[in-house]
Amino acid sequence: MILILNASPRKHGVTTSILKSIADGAAADHQIEWVDVNGLSMKPCVGCLKCRPDRTCVLPQDDAHRVGALIERSDVLVVGSPTYWGNITGPLKVLFDRNVPTFEYIGDGLPKPKHRGKKAIVVVASSAPYPINLLPSQSGGTVRALGAVLRAAGYRIAKTINVPGSGGFEKRKQEVLSRAERIGRNLQ
């Protein structure tokens, strides 16, 4: 199963469009689960650290728990986020914070990745033009933030799509969406 986490609040924005093309490419051969992160009902992490020994978040059951179960069952994780101040969106950060034990096991004090060998695809969009978008304060920071979470969990980042100048996306939309669809078709 391929799980797509869409952290864009825009239903027809650049990030969402790219993620839909990946899903379209993969749909013939894979079950697709789509999660619009901004529509989730979840409380933020309270930093109690009970998830470490308990191996699950102790907050009352909400969408963070439900999506955590999907992450655990998925074979491939596709994560897309627009760039907000060189980082991922707030709701995606809340989802990741709430799912630390979904990504890592910490039993003897050392973190152990729980998804070693699984593939991940990263999709990022930024309004900054190339090469400014590559700076840590722009989409370069978003790619790095997603990479830190995914690599800690043991994922192998198979592809990254980093779209600069999202305001002018229409000019190269077909090229980017075709590439995204090919990535989806080639997922295994």
Protein backbone atom coordinates (compact mmCIF):
# COMPACT_ATOMS: atom_id res chain seq x y z
CA MET A 1 0.00 0.00 0.00
CA ILE A 2 1.19 3.49 -0.88
CA LEU A 3 0.33 6.16 1.66
CA ILE A 4 0.24 9.76 0.44
CA LEU A 5 0.41 12.49 3.07
CA ASN A 6 -0.71 15.78 1.51
CA ALA A 7 0.24 18.68 3.79
CA SER A 8 -0.98 21.37 1.41
CA PRO A 9 -4.09 23.31 2.44
CA ARG A 10 -4.80 24.02 -1.25
CA LYS A 11 -6.93 21.38 -2.97
CA HIS A 12 -5.67 22.40 -6.43
CA GLY A 13 -2.24 23.77 -5.50
CA VAL A 14 1.16 22.75 -6.82
CA THR A 15 1.92 20.20 -4.09
CA THR A 16 -1.51 18.58 -4.32
CA SER A 17 -1.32 18.41 -8.13
CA ILE A 18 2.04 16.68 -8.04
CA LEU A 19 0.89 14.19 -5.40
CA LYS A 20 -2.23 13.40 -7.48
CA SER A 21 -0.03 12.68 -10.50
CA ILE A 22 2.10 10.28 -8.45
CA ALA A 23 -1.10 8.59 -7.24
CA ASP A 24 -2.45 8.38 -10.81
CA GLY A 25 0.77 6.74 -11.98
CA ALA A 26 0.77 4.20 -9.16
CA ALA A 27 -2.97 3.42 -9.06
CA ALA A 28 -2.90 0.63 -11.65
CA ASP A 29 -0.54 -1.54 -9.60
CA HIS A 30 -1.00 -0.36 -6.01
CA GLN A 31 -3.58 0.37 -3.38
CA ILE A 32 -3.42 4.10 -2.61
CA GLU A 33 -4.35 5.71 0.70
CA TRP A 34 -4.63 9.50 0.59
CA VAL A 35 -4.54 11.69 3.71
CA ASP A 36 -5.15 15.44 3.63
CA VAL A 37 -3.14 16.37 6.72
CA ASN A 38 -4.80 19.78 7.10
CA GLY A 39 -8.18 18.11 7.54
CA LEU A 40 -7.08 15.89 10.43
CA SER A 41 -8.45 16.34 13.91
CA MET A 42 -5.48 15.95 16.24
CA LYS A 43 -4.09 17.59 19.31
CA PRO A 44 -0.44 18.70 19.36
CA CYS A 45 2.22 16.72 21.20
CA VAL A 46 2.50 17.75 24.85
CA GLY A 47 6.10 16.57 25.24
CA CYS A 48 5.31 14.11 28.04
CA LEU A 49 7.69 11.48 26.57
CA LYS A 50 5.32 8.68 27.64
CA CYS A 51 5.32 7.45 24.03
CA ARG A 52 8.91 6.32 24.47
CA PRO A 53 8.38 3.52 26.99
CA ASP A 54 4.70 2.98 26.13
CA ARG A 55 5.40 2.82 22.35
CA THR A 56 2.25 4.79 21.58
CA CYS A 57 0.99 8.30 22.11
CA VAL A 58 -0.97 8.50 25.36
CA LEU A 59 -3.23 11.33 24.24
CA PRO A 60 -6.88 10.38 23.59
CA GLN A 61 -7.45 8.57 20.29
CA ASP A 62 -7.65 10.95 17.34
CA ASP A 63 -6.58 11.16 13.71
CA ALA A 64 -2.88 11.16 14.61
CA HIS A 65 -3.30 7.60 15.92
CA ARG A 66 -5.31 6.56 12.83
CA VAL A 67 -2.70 7.94 10.41
CA GLY A 68 0.08 6.39 12.49
CA ALA A 69 -1.50 2.98 11.88
CA LEU A 70 -1.60 3.72 8.14
CA ILE A 71 2.08 4.70 8.21
CA GLU A 72 2.95 1.41 9.89
CA ARG A 73 1.01 -0.61 7.28
CA SER A 74 2.29 1.27 4.24
CA ASP A 75 4.97 -0.09 1.94
CA VAL A 76 5.80 3.30 0.41
CA LEU A 77 5.32 6.73 1.98
CA VAL A 78 4.85 9.79 -0.23
CA VAL A 79 4.97 13.09 1.65
CA GLY A 80 4.24 16.46 0.10
CA SER A 81 4.43 19.87 1.73
CA PRO A 82 4.58 23.45 0.56
CA THR A 83 7.38 25.48 2.09
CA TYR A 84 6.49 27.59 5.12
CA TRP A 85 9.49 29.56 6.39
CA GLY A 86 11.92 26.94 5.16
CA ASN A 87 10.00 24.11 6.77
CA ILE A 88 7.01 21.78 6.55
CA THR A 89 3.48 22.93 7.37
CA GLY A 90 2.38 23.07 11.02
CA PRO A 91 -0.19 20.25 10.77
CA LEU A 92 2.39 17.90 9.23
CA LYS A 93 4.81 18.72 12.05
CA VAL A 94 2.07 17.93 14.60
CA LEU A 95 1.40 14.60 12.86
CA PHE A 96 5.10 13.70 12.91
CA ASP A 97 5.54 14.81 16.54
CA ARG A 98 2.60 12.67 17.60
CA ASN A 99 3.99 9.63 15.76
CA VAL A 100 7.55 9.42 17.06
CA PRO A 101 6.97 5.79 18.19
CA THR A 102 5.51 4.99 14.76
CA PHE A 103 8.79 5.99 13.16
CA GLU A 104 11.34 4.91 15.77
CA TYR A 105 11.56 2.38 18.55
CA ILE A 106 13.38 3.59 21.65
CA GLY A 107 13.74 0.80 24.14
CA ASP A 108 17.28 0.81 25.45
CA GLY A 109 17.78 4.55 25.02
CA LEU A 110 18.98 4.38 21.43
CA PRO A 111 16.54 5.09 18.60
CA LYS A 112 16.00 2.25 16.15
CA PRO A 113 14.26 2.93 12.83
CA LYS A 114 11.03 1.00 12.34
CA HIS A 115 10.77 1.34 8.55
CA ARG A 116 14.23 0.29 7.42
CA GLY A 117 14.31 -0.44 3.72
CA LYS A 118 10.96 1.12 2.84
CA LYS A 119 10.84 3.77 0.11
CA ALA A 120 9.76 7.35 0.53
CA ILE A 121 9.08 10.07 -2.03
CA VAL A 122 9.37 13.74 -1.05
CA VAL A 123 7.44 16.50 -2.81
CA VAL A 124 8.12 20.14 -1.95
CA ALA A 125 6.98 23.39 -3.55
CA SER A 126 8.24 26.91 -2.92
CA SER A 127 7.42 30.34 -4.27
CA ALA A 128 11.14 31.18 -4.33
CA PRO A 129 12.78 30.98 -7.77
CA TYR A 130 15.65 28.63 -8.58
CA PRO A 131 18.36 28.58 -7.13
CA ILE A 132 17.05 30.63 -4.17
CA ASN A 133 14.58 27.81 -3.42
CA LEU A 134 17.51 25.55 -2.48
CA LEU A 135 18.48 27.70 0.50
CA PRO A 136 17.76 26.36 4.02
CA SER A 137 15.36 29.28 4.56
CA GLN A 138 13.36 28.14 1.53
CA SER A 139 12.44 24.70 0.16
CA GLY A 140 15.93 23.39 0.89
CA GLY A 141 14.93 23.56 4.56
CA THR A 142 11.67 21.75 3.86
CA VAL A 143 13.48 18.94 2.04
CA ARG A 144 15.95 18.71 4.93
CA ALA A 145 13.16 18.60 7.56
CA LEU A 146 11.33 15.81 5.74
CA GLY A 147 14.59 13.96 5.19
CA ALA A 148 15.45 14.11 8.88
CA VAL A 149 12.16 12.45 9.89
CA LEU A 150 12.16 9.89 7.10
CA ARG A 151 15.81 8.85 7.45
CA ALA A 152 15.45 8.55 11.25
CA ALA A 153 12.60 6.14 10.55
CA GLY A 154 14.78 4.12 8.17
CA TYR A 155 13.14 5.15 4.90
CA ARG A 156 15.21 5.31 1.73
CA ILE A 157 14.28 8.50 -0.08
CA ALA A 158 13.93 7.23 -3.63
CA LYS A 159 12.95 10.53 -5.29
CA THR A 160 12.60 14.18 -4.39
CA ILE A 161 10.59 16.68 -6.40
CA ASN A 162 11.48 20.24 -5.38
CA VAL A 163 9.48 22.74 -7.42
CA PRO A 164 10.76 26.35 -7.37
CA GLY A 165 8.76 29.41 -8.34
CA SER A 166 5.37 27.88 -7.70
CA GLY A 167 3.72 31.13 -8.80
CA GLY A 168 4.89 30.37 -12.35
CA PHE A 169 4.09 26.65 -12.16
CA GLU A 170 1.66 26.74 -15.10
CA LYS A 171 4.59 27.26 -17.53
CA ARG A 172 6.16 23.91 -16.65
CA LYS A 173 3.18 22.11 -15.15
CA GLN A 174 2.95 19.38 -17.81
CA GLU A 175 6.65 18.53 -17.52
CA VAL A 176 6.53 18.27 -13.70
CA LEU A 177 3.26 16.31 -13.62
CA SER A 178 4.53 13.89 -16.27
CA ARG A 179 7.66 13.28 -14.19
CA ALA A 180 5.51 12.73 -11.08
CA GLU A 181 3.29 10.23 -12.92
CA ARG A 182 6.39 8.30 -14.11
CA ILE A 183 7.62 8.15 -10.50
CA GLY A 184 4.26 6.71 -9.48
CA ARG A 185 4.32 4.10 -12.28
CA ASN A 186 7.80 2.99 -11.26
CA LEU A 187 7.07 2.52 -7.56
CA GLN A 188 7.63 -1.02 -6.31
